[in-house]
Amino acid sequence: MGAVAIEINDTGILVANEAEVLATEPGFAFVDGAKIVTGELARARARLKPRQTSSRFWSGLSMEPGSAGAGIAKSAAEIAYAQLEALWKRLGAGVTDVVLVVPGAYRADQLGLLLGLAQECGMPVRALVDAAAAASVRQYPGRQLVYVDASLYRVSVTLIEQNGEAAVQAEHALAQGLAGLADAFAKRFAELFVRATRFDPFAHAETEQLLYDRQPAWLEALQREERFELSLSYRNEEFRIVAERDALVAVARGFYRAGMQLVSQQREAGKGLVVQISDRIASLPWFLGELSRLDDAEPVCFAPGHAARSALLAPAATQATGQVKLLKRLAFRAEPSEASVVERPRAASGTPVVARTQPATHVVYGGLAYNIGSVGLAIGREADPKRRTLLVAEGVSGISRLHCEIVMRDGELRLRDFSSFGTFVNEKKVAGEITLQRADVIRVGSPGVELHVVSVEGQ
């Protein structure tokens, strides 16, 4: 079989060669005494036997007893070893070289522990490769480059330096991941069942598990249709409801916007951005619509297994040197590009991104439209007697006394930033002054508040 890469991500431990993905299985384990069952069989029992099921052993990789979580006495390392060993027994025949593609969050001790587990399985490991470096195969001259990925309990944004090679510069993360988003969707589905039928899926382990099992198909259907019928069965009784897309979009919006803010905080003012997106992120319902809020940013969506397969194309990752190293910089393996490889997305509501030909006149905040007019509008946390001032909500961090000002000049709305923290338009940090267009979104503070730029005709 030659060389394979194994990508360590608890949403799916993935094994691939240069040609294809060979296997993917979720980072779940079911522990029954000395017996450990991993992968899809374990995930299917997560709601039925929650005290015996763990999905945190990869994110908390450790030798400490009980580190697997969920009240399980075994260590996270024991359970991780069980999953690696099962994969290797299935797929290891004929493999001569193994590259481990690892998350940027792993500490040195966790990397050493992972390497030890793999070698204990008999894997001929040649290198550990940072997932962001492995995924970044193409350079984009004159633009910033980031890689966005997610695991069950984490979302990461990695800044990639482009200086003849892809070099991991810094990783920033949110301490929330895809497991939390799945929980939020499940709760909303359950609420809809309770309101319509009085049946609560969370009242029974079987229907709670079914709620999670069917969630991906339901969300996929709601991306295609505004309304979709859902059904659950319990004790020979079937419960049916009609779910509406807007009710589910609202669940994800806060999570997505937190991710977009994390991306925007890494931007250099005045510089275009290429956002590389793992399949785990790109496949999230309505995510690409939220991405359209980033100004002057081009998305590049990767297929499943991209980072693993790309790691095998880097000679530095597969050459036998006698010493296994962590590689956080790799030579680019494709021709430079200036263009995105995906179509510009639609907004989260399913409607196209708004055209901006009509001149902007007002900003909307708290449900009220404020006419800018000739006197302008200052925005901040304290009133300025010399300026007409809009005070933002109390308790929002990252707001200066005089944060920014919007004025009408030569028939255009102009925003000028005065803050110490930064003002963002379409999640791009303003460098000094910028012209506002209809449908722009202004953000001040962190996580902040938003003002929407609109056009109002007549009175």
Protein backbone atom coordinates (compact mmCIF):
# COMPACT_ATOMS: atom_id res chain seq x y z
CA MET A 1 0.00 0.00 0.00
CA GLY A 2 2.96 2.34 0.53
CA ALA A 3 2.52 5.51 2.61
CA VAL A 4 -0.60 6.63 4.47
CA ALA A 5 -1.45 9.68 6.55
CA ILE A 6 -3.59 9.56 9.68
CA GLU A 7 -5.27 12.83 10.64
CA ILE A 8 -6.06 13.17 14.33
CA ASN A 9 -9.36 15.04 14.69
CA ASP A 10 -12.07 13.73 17.00
CA THR A 11 -14.86 14.55 14.53
CA GLY A 12 -13.34 11.77 12.44
CA ILE A 13 -9.98 10.00 12.73
CA LEU A 14 -9.09 9.82 9.05
CA VAL A 15 -6.75 7.48 7.15
CA ALA A 16 -5.78 8.31 3.56
CA ASN A 17 -3.20 7.56 0.92
CA GLU A 18 -2.31 9.94 -1.92
CA ALA A 19 -5.24 8.72 -4.03
CA GLU A 20 -8.18 8.46 -1.63
CA VAL A 21 -9.60 8.44 1.88
CA LEU A 22 -9.45 4.88 3.16
CA ALA A 23 -11.41 5.25 6.40
CA THR A 24 -12.97 7.82 8.72
CA GLU A 25 -14.44 7.08 12.11
CA PRO A 26 -15.61 9.41 14.88
CA GLY A 27 -13.50 9.81 18.01
CA PHE A 28 -16.00 8.06 20.28
CA ALA A 29 -15.43 5.13 22.63
CA PHE A 30 -17.80 2.89 24.58
CA VAL A 31 -16.21 1.25 27.62
CA ASP A 32 -17.76 -1.87 29.14
CA GLY A 33 -15.38 -3.16 31.78
CA ALA A 34 -12.19 -4.20 30.00
CA LYS A 35 -13.86 -4.01 26.58
CA ILE A 36 -13.45 -0.84 24.51
CA VAL A 37 -15.54 -0.26 21.36
CA THR A 38 -14.59 2.76 19.25
CA GLY A 39 -15.86 4.66 16.22
CA GLU A 40 -19.39 4.65 14.84
CA LEU A 41 -20.60 1.81 17.06
CA ALA A 42 -19.61 3.86 20.10
CA ARG A 43 -21.15 7.08 18.77
CA ALA A 44 -24.45 5.25 18.25
CA ARG A 45 -24.52 4.50 22.02
CA ALA A 46 -23.50 7.97 23.23
CA ARG A 47 -27.04 8.95 24.32
CA LEU A 48 -28.07 5.46 25.37
CA LYS A 49 -25.09 4.87 27.69
CA PRO A 50 -23.65 8.34 28.40
CA ARG A 51 -21.68 7.31 31.52
CA GLN A 52 -19.85 4.63 29.54
CA THR A 53 -19.23 6.68 26.39
CA SER A 54 -16.43 9.21 25.86
CA SER A 55 -15.64 11.66 23.06
CA ARG A 56 -13.02 13.72 24.91
CA PHE A 57 -10.08 11.34 24.96
CA TRP A 58 -8.40 12.83 21.88
CA SER A 59 -8.82 16.47 22.94
CA GLY A 60 -7.59 15.67 26.45
CA LEU A 61 -4.92 13.11 25.53
CA SER A 62 -3.21 12.12 28.79
CA MET A 63 -1.94 9.17 30.82
CA GLU A 64 -3.83 10.33 33.94
CA PRO A 65 -6.46 7.83 35.15
CA GLY A 66 -9.94 9.18 34.50
CA SER A 67 -8.74 11.67 31.88
CA ALA A 68 -11.11 10.16 29.29
CA GLY A 69 -14.01 11.87 31.06
CA ALA A 70 -17.64 10.71 31.30
CA GLY A 71 -16.90 8.95 34.60
CA ILE A 72 -14.67 6.37 32.91
CA ALA A 73 -11.77 5.17 35.06
CA LYS A 74 -9.41 4.56 32.14
CA SER A 75 -7.01 7.19 30.86
CA ALA A 76 -7.54 9.05 27.62
CA ALA A 77 -4.34 7.45 26.27
CA GLU A 78 -5.69 3.92 26.83
CA ILE A 79 -8.81 4.66 24.83
CA ALA A 80 -6.94 6.52 22.08
CA TYR A 81 -4.61 3.54 21.78
CA ALA A 82 -7.61 1.21 21.38
CA GLN A 83 -8.93 3.26 18.46
CA LEU A 84 -5.52 3.58 16.78
CA GLU A 85 -4.85 -0.13 17.18
CA ALA A 86 -8.23 -1.09 15.70
CA LEU A 87 -7.61 1.17 12.68
CA TRP A 88 -4.11 -0.17 12.19
CA LYS A 89 -5.27 -3.80 12.30
CA ARG A 90 -7.81 -3.05 9.57
CA LEU A 91 -5.65 -0.90 7.30
CA GLY A 92 -1.99 -1.43 8.19
CA ALA A 93 -1.18 -4.34 5.88
CA GLY A 94 1.45 -3.31 3.34
CA VAL A 95 1.93 0.21 4.76
CA THR A 96 5.59 1.25 4.71
CA ASP A 97 5.35 4.83 5.98
CA VAL A 98 2.94 6.71 8.25
CA VAL A 99 2.55 10.48 8.61
CA LEU A 100 0.53 11.71 11.57
CA VAL A 101 -1.36 14.95 10.83
CA VAL A 102 -1.90 16.61 14.20
CA PRO A 103 -3.94 19.53 15.59
CA GLY A 104 -2.08 22.72 16.40
CA ALA A 105 -3.49 22.63 19.94
CA TYR A 106 -1.43 19.61 21.01
CA ARG A 107 1.28 20.34 23.56
CA ALA A 108 4.73 18.80 23.33
CA ASP A 109 3.86 16.12 25.91
CA GLN A 110 0.70 15.19 23.98
CA LEU A 111 2.63 14.93 20.72
CA GLY A 112 5.16 12.66 22.42
CA LEU A 113 2.36 10.54 23.86
CA LEU A 114 0.64 10.24 20.47
CA LEU A 115 3.91 9.20 18.82
CA GLY A 116 4.45 6.59 21.52
CA LEU A 117 0.93 5.16 21.03
CA ALA A 118 1.40 4.95 17.27
CA GLN A 119 4.78 3.23 17.59
CA GLU A 120 3.30 0.82 20.15
CA CYS A 121 0.77 -0.15 17.46
CA GLY A 122 3.71 -0.91 15.15
CA MET A 123 3.24 2.08 12.86
CA PRO A 124 6.38 3.16 10.92
CA VAL A 125 5.88 6.87 11.69
CA ARG A 126 8.09 9.21 9.61
CA ALA A 127 6.82 12.62 10.78
CA LEU A 128 4.22 14.60 12.68
CA VAL A 129 2.76 17.39 10.53
CA ASP A 130 0.70 20.34 11.74
CA ALA A 131 -2.74 20.12 10.07
CA ALA A 132 -2.72 23.78 8.95
CA ALA A 133 0.69 23.43 7.29
CA ALA A 134 -0.39 20.19 5.62
CA ALA A 135 -3.56 21.77 4.21
CA SER A 136 -1.84 24.88 2.80
CA VAL A 137 -0.52 23.66 -0.55
CA ARG A 138 -0.91 26.86 -2.58
CA GLN A 139 0.38 30.38 -2.03
CA TYR A 140 -1.61 33.57 -2.64
CA PRO A 141 0.83 36.43 -3.29
CA GLY A 142 -0.08 39.76 -1.73
CA ARG A 143 -2.83 38.31 0.46
CA GLN A 144 -3.09 36.98 3.98
CA LEU A 145 -3.68 33.26 4.35
CA VAL A 146 -5.52 31.51 7.19
CA TYR A 147 -6.76 27.97 7.81
CA VAL A 148 -10.04 27.41 9.67
CA ASP A 149 -10.81 24.02 11.19
CA ALA A 150 -12.92 22.50 13.95
CA SER A 151 -13.00 19.52 16.25
CA LEU A 152 -15.72 18.38 18.63
CA TYR A 153 -14.71 20.87 21.32
CA ARG A 154 -12.68 23.54 19.53
CA VAL A 155 -12.65 25.90 16.53
CA SER A 156 -9.22 27.10 15.37
CA VAL A 157 -7.97 29.83 13.06
CA THR A 158 -4.32 29.46 12.03
CA LEU A 159 -2.36 32.26 10.37
CA ILE A 160 -0.07 30.95 7.63
CA GLU A 161 3.07 32.85 6.66
CA GLN A 162 3.89 32.71 2.94
CA ASN A 163 7.61 33.07 2.38
CA GLY A 164 8.37 30.40 -0.19
CA GLU A 165 6.67 27.85 2.06
CA ALA A 166 3.62 27.47 4.25
CA ALA A 167 4.71 28.20 7.81
CA VAL A 168 2.37 28.10 10.80
CA GLN A 169 2.66 31.51 12.43
CA ALA A 170 0.03 31.47 15.16
CA GLU A 171 -3.11 29.58 16.09
CA HIS A 172 -6.10 31.14 17.85
CA ALA A 173 -9.11 29.19 19.04
CA LEU A 174 -12.60 29.22 20.50
CA ALA A 175 -13.23 26.83 23.37
CA GLN A 176 -16.36 25.52 21.69
CA GLY A 177 -16.72 23.10 18.84
CA LEU A 178 -19.00 20.99 16.71
CA ALA A 179 -20.32 18.93 19.63
CA GLY A 180 -21.79 22.07 21.21
CA LEU A 181 -23.36 23.12 17.93
CA ALA A 182 -24.91 19.65 17.51
CA ASP A 183 -26.32 19.94 21.05
CA ALA A 184 -27.84 23.34 20.22
CA PHE A 185 -29.51 21.99 17.07
CA ALA A 186 -30.81 18.95 18.99
CA LYS A 187 -32.35 21.15 21.67
CA ARG A 188 -34.09 23.28 19.06
CA PHE A 189 -35.50 20.19 17.30
CA ALA A 190 -36.70 18.88 20.67
CA GLU A 191 -38.38 22.23 21.45
CA LEU A 192 -40.24 22.05 18.14
CA PHE A 193 -41.51 18.54 18.96
CA VAL A 194 -42.64 19.60 22.44
CA ARG A 195 -44.49 22.67 21.16
CA ALA A 196 -46.27 20.80 18.37
CA THR A 197 -46.92 17.38 19.92
CA ARG A 198 -46.15 17.61 23.68
CA PHE A 199 -43.64 14.79 23.10
CA ASP A 200 -40.15 15.48 24.48
CA PRO A 201 -37.42 13.45 22.70
CA PHE A 202 -35.03 14.14 25.60
CA ALA A 203 -37.32 12.29 27.99
CA HIS A 204 -36.22 8.93 26.58
CA ALA A 205 -32.70 7.74 25.76
CA GLU A 206 -33.83 6.00 22.57
CA THR A 207 -35.44 9.09 21.04
CA GLU A 208 -32.63 11.35 22.24
CA GLN A 209 -30.16 9.15 20.35
CA LEU A 210 -32.47 9.13 17.35
CA LEU A 211 -32.57 12.94 17.46
CA TYR A 212 -28.79 13.07 17.04
CA ASP A 213 -28.69 10.27 14.47
CA ARG A 214 -31.19 12.02 12.19
CA GLN A 215 -29.92 15.55 12.71
CA PRO A 216 -27.49 15.65 9.72
CA ALA A 217 -30.20 14.54 7.26
CA TRP A 218 -32.73 16.99 8.69
CA LEU A 219 -30.32 19.92 8.46
CA GLU A 220 -29.39 18.97 4.90
CA ALA A 221 -33.08 18.93 3.95
CA LEU A 222 -33.64 22.35 5.55
CA GLN A 223 -30.81 23.81 3.51
CA ARG A 224 -32.72 22.82 0.36
CA GLU A 225 -36.25 23.67 1.53
CA GLU A 226 -37.81 26.42 3.64
CA ARG A 227 -40.02 23.89 5.48
CA PHE A 228 -39.51 20.19 6.05
CA GLU A 229 -41.51 17.48 7.85
CA LEU A 230 -39.68 15.57 10.62
CA SER A 231 -40.81 12.44 12.41
CA LEU A 232 -39.81 10.38 15.44
CA SER A 233 -41.29 7.09 16.66
CA TYR A 234 -41.61 5.90 20.25
CA ARG A 235 -43.48 2.77 21.43
CA ASN A 236 -45.39 2.33 18.18
CA GLU A 237 -46.48 5.98 18.15
CA GLU A 238 -45.18 8.37 15.48
CA PHE A 239 -44.75 12.08 16.14
CA ARG A 240 -44.60 14.49 13.19
CA ILE A 241 -43.77 18.18 13.00
CA VAL A 242 -42.95 20.73 10.31
CA ALA A 243 -39.66 22.58 10.93
CA GLU A 244 -38.87 25.91 9.33
CA ARG A 245 -35.40 26.89 8.17
CA ASP A 246 -35.32 30.25 9.96
CA ALA A 247 -35.82 28.58 13.34
CA LEU A 248 -32.65 26.55 12.83
CA VAL A 249 -30.55 29.29 11.21
CA ALA A 250 -30.90 31.36 14.38
CA VAL A 251 -29.36 28.55 16.46
CA ALA A 252 -26.11 28.59 14.50
CA ARG A 253 -25.70 32.31 13.91
CA GLY A 254 -23.97 33.16 17.21
CA PHE A 255 -21.52 30.27 16.83
CA TYR A 256 -20.68 31.26 13.25
CA ARG A 257 -20.25 34.94 14.03
CA ALA A 258 -17.88 34.13 16.88
CA GLY A 259 -15.79 32.22 14.35
CA MET A 260 -15.91 35.09 11.86
CA GLN A 261 -14.77 37.52 14.55
CA LEU A 262 -11.87 35.22 15.38
CA VAL A 263 -10.84 35.35 11.71
CA SER A 264 -11.22 39.12 11.46
CA GLN A 265 -9.08 39.70 14.55
CA GLN A 266 -6.08 38.20 12.73
CA ARG A 267 -6.37 40.49 9.69
CA GLU A 268 -3.93 43.15 8.61
CA ALA A 269 -5.68 46.38 7.74
CA GLY A 270 -5.93 47.00 4.01
CA LYS A 271 -4.91 43.49 3.00
CA GLY A 272 -7.05 40.90 1.21
CA LEU A 273 -7.65 37.56 2.88
CA VAL A 274 -7.84 33.96 1.67
CA VAL A 275 -9.76 31.75 4.10
CA GLN A 276 -8.94 28.05 3.73
CA ILE A 277 -11.78 25.99 5.18
CA SER A 278 -11.66 22.33 6.18
CA ASP A 279 -14.54 20.12 5.08
CA ARG A 280 -15.61 19.90 8.73
CA ILE A 281 -16.32 23.65 8.68
CA ALA A 282 -17.47 24.01 5.06
CA SER A 283 -20.15 21.34 5.46
CA LEU A 284 -21.83 23.14 8.38
CA PRO A 285 -25.33 24.30 7.42
CA TRP A 286 -25.48 27.95 6.35
CA PHE A 287 -21.86 28.62 7.31
CA LEU A 288 -20.79 29.83 3.88
CA GLY A 289 -23.55 32.43 3.99
CA GLU A 290 -22.07 33.89 7.17
CA LEU A 291 -18.65 33.87 5.53
CA SER A 292 -19.96 36.35 2.96
CA ARG A 293 -19.96 38.96 5.76
CA LEU A 294 -16.16 39.09 5.60
CA ASP A 295 -15.17 41.92 3.29
CA ASP A 296 -12.41 41.30 0.70
CA ALA A 297 -12.09 37.67 1.76
CA GLU A 298 -12.08 34.68 -0.61
CA PRO A 299 -13.07 31.22 0.67
CA VAL A 300 -11.25 28.07 -0.42
CA CYS A 301 -13.14 24.93 0.63
CA PHE A 302 -11.28 21.66 0.98
CA ALA A 303 -12.58 18.15 0.33
CA PRO A 304 -12.55 15.46 3.06
CA GLY A 305 -9.03 14.16 3.61
CA HIS A 306 -7.32 17.15 1.98
CA ALA A 307 -4.83 17.80 4.79
CA ALA A 308 -3.92 14.11 5.13
CA ARG A 309 -3.47 13.50 1.41
CA SER A 310 -1.56 16.77 0.95
CA ALA A 311 0.85 15.87 3.75
CA LEU A 312 1.93 12.84 1.74
CA LEU A 313 2.90 15.11 -1.18
CA ALA A 314 5.51 16.87 0.95
CA PRO A 315 8.91 15.11 0.66
CA ALA A 316 9.91 16.38 4.10
CA ALA A 317 7.04 14.39 5.66
CA THR A 318 7.82 10.97 4.17
CA GLN A 319 11.61 10.89 4.02
CA ALA A 320 13.14 8.51 6.56
CA THR A 321 15.62 10.54 8.64
CA GLY A 322 15.96 8.33 11.69
CA GLN A 323 14.26 10.95 13.87
CA VAL A 324 10.56 11.81 13.93
CA LYS A 325 10.05 15.56 13.87
CA LEU A 326 7.08 17.91 14.13
CA LEU A 327 6.80 19.83 10.85
CA LYS A 328 5.10 23.23 11.04
CA ARG A 329 6.40 24.53 7.71
CA LEU A 330 6.22 22.80 4.35
CA ALA A 331 7.09 23.81 0.80
CA PHE A 332 4.08 24.74 -1.33
CA ARG A 333 2.98 21.87 -3.58
CA ALA A 334 0.82 23.72 -6.14
CA GLU A 335 1.09 26.74 -8.40
CA PRO A 336 0.36 30.18 -6.87
CA SER A 337 -3.19 31.43 -7.23
CA GLU A 338 -5.02 34.73 -7.01
CA ALA A 339 -8.57 33.39 -7.19
CA SER A 340 -10.96 31.50 -4.97
CA VAL A 341 -11.96 27.98 -5.92
CA VAL A 342 -15.55 28.29 -4.71
CA GLU A 343 -18.52 30.40 -5.73
CA ARG A 344 -19.27 33.40 -3.54
CA PRO A 345 -21.81 32.09 -0.98
CA ARG A 346 -25.35 33.19 -0.27
CA ALA A 347 -26.52 34.78 2.94
CA ALA A 348 -27.63 32.52 5.81
CA SER A 349 -31.29 33.18 5.05
CA GLY A 350 -30.84 31.62 1.60
CA THR A 351 -31.23 34.95 -0.19
CA PRO A 352 -28.44 36.44 -2.31
CA VAL A 353 -26.05 38.91 -0.75
CA VAL A 354 -27.61 42.39 -1.12
CA ALA A 355 -26.56 44.53 -4.07
CA ARG A 356 -24.96 47.83 -3.08
CA THR A 357 -25.74 50.24 -5.89
CA GLN A 358 -28.13 52.53 -4.00
CA PRO A 359 -26.39 55.20 -1.82
CA ALA A 360 -26.44 54.55 1.93
CA THR A 361 -28.19 57.08 4.16
CA HIS A 362 -28.86 55.55 7.61
CA VAL A 363 -27.52 53.04 10.12
CA VAL A 364 -29.81 50.70 12.06
CA TYR A 365 -29.13 49.91 15.72
CA GLY A 366 -31.52 48.38 18.24
CA GLY A 367 -34.32 48.37 15.69
CA LEU A 368 -34.07 52.12 15.01
CA ALA A 369 -32.73 53.76 11.84
CA TYR A 370 -30.49 56.79 12.46
CA ASN A 371 -30.20 59.35 9.69
CA ILE A 372 -26.58 60.43 9.32
CA GLY A 373 -27.26 63.71 7.55
CA SER A 374 -24.90 66.66 7.54
CA VAL A 375 -24.22 66.61 11.30
CA GLY A 376 -22.96 63.03 11.35
CA LEU A 377 -23.20 60.45 14.14
CA ALA A 378 -20.58 59.57 16.75
CA ILE A 379 -20.65 56.07 18.31
CA GLY A 380 -19.19 55.26 21.70
CA ARG A 381 -19.82 54.53 25.37
CA GLU A 382 -20.01 58.14 26.58
CA ALA A 383 -21.96 61.11 25.24
CA ASP A 384 -19.89 63.86 23.62
CA PRO A 385 -21.47 67.33 24.08
CA LYS A 386 -19.85 68.49 20.84
CA ARG A 387 -21.19 65.60 18.77
CA ARG A 388 -24.50 63.86 18.15
CA THR A 389 -23.72 60.55 19.85
CA LEU A 390 -25.19 57.05 19.72
CA LEU A 391 -24.44 55.23 22.99
CA VAL A 392 -24.04 51.47 22.66
CA ALA A 393 -25.40 49.01 25.21
CA GLU A 394 -23.76 48.96 28.61
CA GLY A 395 -21.59 46.00 29.52
CA VAL A 396 -20.13 45.50 26.04
CA SER A 397 -16.33 45.25 26.24
CA GLY A 398 -13.89 46.79 23.79
CA ILE A 399 -15.77 50.10 23.32
CA SER A 400 -13.93 53.42 23.53
CA ARG A 401 -15.51 56.64 24.84
CA LEU A 402 -15.50 57.95 21.27
CA HIS A 403 -15.22 54.78 19.25
CA CYS A 404 -15.94 55.93 15.69
CA GLU A 405 -17.87 58.52 13.74
CA ILE A 406 -20.02 58.34 10.60
CA VAL A 407 -20.42 61.45 8.43
CA MET A 408 -21.97 62.30 5.07
CA ARG A 409 -19.32 63.66 2.70
CA ASP A 410 -19.73 64.26 -1.05
CA GLY A 411 -22.90 62.17 -1.06
CA GLU A 412 -21.23 59.19 0.63
CA LEU A 413 -21.25 57.81 4.14
CA ARG A 414 -17.75 57.78 5.60
CA LEU A 415 -16.71 55.99 8.80
CA ARG A 416 -13.65 57.06 10.75
CA ASP A 417 -12.20 54.94 13.55
CA PHE A 418 -10.98 56.65 16.74
CA SER A 419 -10.88 53.61 19.03
CA SER A 420 -8.11 51.76 20.81
CA PHE A 421 -9.80 48.43 20.04
CA GLY A 422 -10.70 48.68 16.36
CA THR A 423 -13.88 49.09 14.34
CA PHE A 424 -14.85 46.35 11.88
CA VAL A 425 -16.87 46.66 8.67
CA ASN A 426 -17.97 43.28 7.28
CA GLU A 427 -15.50 41.82 9.80
CA LYS A 428 -12.57 43.67 8.25
CA LYS A 429 -10.70 46.06 10.56
CA VAL A 430 -10.94 49.68 9.45
CA ALA A 431 -7.62 51.39 8.84
CA GLY A 432 -8.36 55.05 9.54
CA GLU A 433 -11.34 55.87 7.31
CA ILE A 434 -13.59 53.91 4.96
CA THR A 435 -16.57 54.56 2.64
CA LEU A 436 -19.71 52.72 3.73
CA GLN A 437 -22.01 50.97 1.29
CA ARG A 438 -25.60 49.83 1.63
CA ALA A 439 -25.79 46.40 3.38
CA ASP A 440 -22.45 46.84 5.18
CA VAL A 441 -22.36 45.61 8.77
CA ILE A 442 -20.40 47.65 11.33
CA ARG A 443 -19.19 45.93 14.50
CA VAL A 444 -17.84 47.66 17.58
CA GLY A 445 -16.64 45.82 20.70
CA SER A 446 -15.99 42.14 21.38
CA PRO A 447 -18.04 40.06 20.84
CA GLY A 448 -19.65 43.41 20.27
CA VAL A 449 -22.75 44.99 18.79
CA GLU A 450 -23.67 45.51 15.17
CA LEU A 451 -25.02 48.44 13.16
CA HIS A 452 -26.45 47.84 9.69
CA VAL A 453 -25.99 50.37 6.88
CA VAL A 454 -29.19 50.94 4.90
CA SER A 455 -30.81 53.29 2.37
CA VAL A 456 -34.04 55.10 3.26
CA GLU A 457 -35.97 56.86 0.51
CA GLY A 458 -37.92 60.08 1.10
CA GLN A 459 -38.99 60.74 4.70
